[in-house]
Protein backbone atom coordinates (compact mmCIF):
# COMPACT_ATOMS: atom_id res chain seq x y z
CA UNK A 1 -84.83 -182.75 17.07
CA UNK A 2 -86.46 -186.08 16.29
CA UNK A 3 -85.93 -187.19 12.69
CA UNK A 4 -88.40 -189.63 11.16
CA UNK A 5 -87.27 -191.15 7.85
CA UNK A 6 -89.88 -193.27 6.09
CA UNK A 7 -89.27 -195.24 2.89
CA UNK A 8 -92.36 -196.19 0.89
CA UNK A 9 -92.33 -198.89 -1.77
CA UNK A 10 -93.65 -198.25 -5.31
CA UNK A 11 -97.19 -199.07 -4.09
CA UNK A 12 -96.91 -196.30 -1.47
CA UNK A 13 -96.72 -198.73 1.45
CA UNK A 14 -94.18 -198.64 4.23
CA UNK A 15 -90.93 -200.45 3.52
CA UNK A 16 -88.89 -199.03 6.39
CA UNK A 17 -88.92 -196.36 9.06
CA UNK A 18 -86.08 -194.93 11.12
CA UNK A 19 -86.71 -192.69 14.12
CA UNK A 20 -83.71 -191.02 15.75
CA UNK A 21 -82.87 -188.20 18.08
CA UNK A 22 -84.45 -186.39 20.98
CA UNK A 23 -87.03 -183.66 20.58
CA UNK A 24 -85.89 -181.45 23.43
CA UNK A 25 -89.45 -180.19 23.88
CA UNK A 26 -89.58 -180.99 27.57
CA UNK A 27 -87.76 -182.69 30.43
CA UNK A 28 -86.56 -186.27 30.15
CA UNK A 29 -89.53 -188.61 30.60
CA UNK A 30 -91.86 -185.64 30.16
CA UNK A 31 -91.34 -184.69 26.52
CA UNK A 32 -94.69 -184.83 24.68
CA UNK A 33 -93.05 -184.90 21.23
CA UNK A 34 -90.83 -187.85 22.10
CA UNK A 35 -93.79 -189.60 23.70
CA UNK A 36 -96.02 -189.07 20.66
CA UNK A 37 -93.39 -190.27 18.18
CA UNK A 38 -92.57 -193.29 20.36
CA UNK A 39 -96.20 -194.33 20.72
CA UNK A 40 -96.89 -193.95 16.99
CA UNK A 41 -93.81 -195.87 15.85
CA UNK A 42 -94.07 -198.64 18.44
CA UNK A 43 -97.80 -199.11 17.85
CA UNK A 44 -97.25 -199.36 14.10
CA UNK A 45 -94.45 -201.89 14.57
CA UNK A 46 -96.42 -203.99 17.06
CA UNK A 47 -99.49 -203.97 14.83
CA UNK A 48 -97.42 -204.98 11.80
CA UNK A 49 -95.79 -207.87 13.69
CA UNK A 50 -99.27 -209.21 14.57
CA UNK A 51 -100.59 -208.96 11.00
CA UNK A 52 -100.82 -212.19 8.99
CA UNK A 53 -98.72 -212.05 5.83
CA UNK A 54 -96.38 -209.38 7.19
CA UNK A 55 -92.78 -209.83 8.24
CA UNK A 56 -91.72 -206.89 10.37
CA UNK A 57 -88.23 -206.59 11.78
CA UNK A 58 -87.56 -203.89 14.32
CA UNK A 59 -84.99 -202.81 16.82
CA UNK A 60 -84.51 -200.02 19.31
CA UNK A 61 -80.83 -200.29 20.25
CA UNK A 62 -80.93 -197.31 22.61
CA UNK A 63 -83.13 -194.45 23.84
CA UNK A 64 -84.07 -192.21 20.96
CA UNK A 65 -83.60 -194.81 18.22
CA UNK A 66 -85.98 -197.19 16.47
CA UNK A 67 -85.72 -198.90 13.10
CA UNK A 68 -88.19 -201.16 11.33
CA UNK A 69 -88.28 -202.97 7.98
CA UNK A 70 -91.39 -204.53 6.50
CA UNK A 71 -92.15 -207.19 3.90
CA UNK A 72 -95.71 -208.18 3.10
CA UNK A 73 -97.76 -210.49 0.92
CA UNK A 74 -100.39 -209.39 -1.58
CA UNK A 75 -103.10 -210.67 0.77
CA UNK A 76 -101.98 -208.32 3.57
CA UNK A 77 -101.62 -205.25 1.34
CA UNK A 78 -104.83 -203.55 2.55
CA UNK A 79 -103.85 -203.91 6.20
CA UNK A 80 -100.35 -202.57 5.52
CA UNK A 81 -101.92 -199.64 3.66
CA UNK A 82 -103.99 -198.77 6.73
CA UNK A 83 -101.02 -199.00 9.08
CA UNK A 84 -98.94 -196.90 6.68
CA UNK A 85 -101.65 -194.23 6.60
CA UNK A 86 -101.90 -194.27 10.42
CA UNK A 87 -98.15 -193.88 10.86
CA UNK A 88 -97.71 -191.15 8.25
CA UNK A 89 -100.71 -189.12 9.36
CA UNK A 90 -99.64 -189.32 12.98
CA UNK A 91 -96.01 -188.40 12.36
CA UNK A 92 -96.93 -185.57 10.00
CA UNK A 93 -99.38 -184.22 12.59
CA UNK A 94 -96.65 -184.18 15.24
CA UNK A 95 -94.22 -182.42 12.88
CA UNK A 96 -96.85 -179.82 11.94
CA UNK A 97 -97.64 -179.11 15.60
CA UNK A 98 -93.99 -179.07 16.69
CA UNK A 99 -91.88 -178.24 13.59
CA UNK A 100 -88.89 -177.15 15.67
CA UNK A 101 -88.79 -180.55 17.41
CA UNK A 102 -89.83 -183.12 14.76
CA UNK A 103 -88.89 -183.53 11.11
CA UNK A 104 -90.50 -186.15 8.84
CA UNK A 105 -88.86 -187.13 5.56
CA UNK A 106 -90.62 -189.47 3.15
CA UNK A 107 -88.83 -191.22 0.31
CA UNK A 108 -90.82 -193.00 -2.37
CA UNK A 109 -89.15 -195.81 -4.29
CA UNK A 110 -89.79 -196.00 -8.01
CA UNK A 111 -90.83 -199.12 -9.86
């Protein structure tokens, strides 16, 4: 099972995301769930790192693991909101299609 843990700040924007585990929905290098989650998380991280006013730190220490943390300025808030929406919608879609292979947990920080 792939676990996706997303922490949103009080504004509802991504603060961090941790992806861990293996879906087990297909053979190694042929698992559509792992591929979908990898593409979504890596695309979000790469887009965030290229966005002015955003500091994104990420690491993938081994297969099946990715972690990212994000800080942003007020000027980049709209772009971060769009990337947050992309990531959440994509991950939730994967978990709805393959609930036995992907679990998404969202934590919202309070002010």
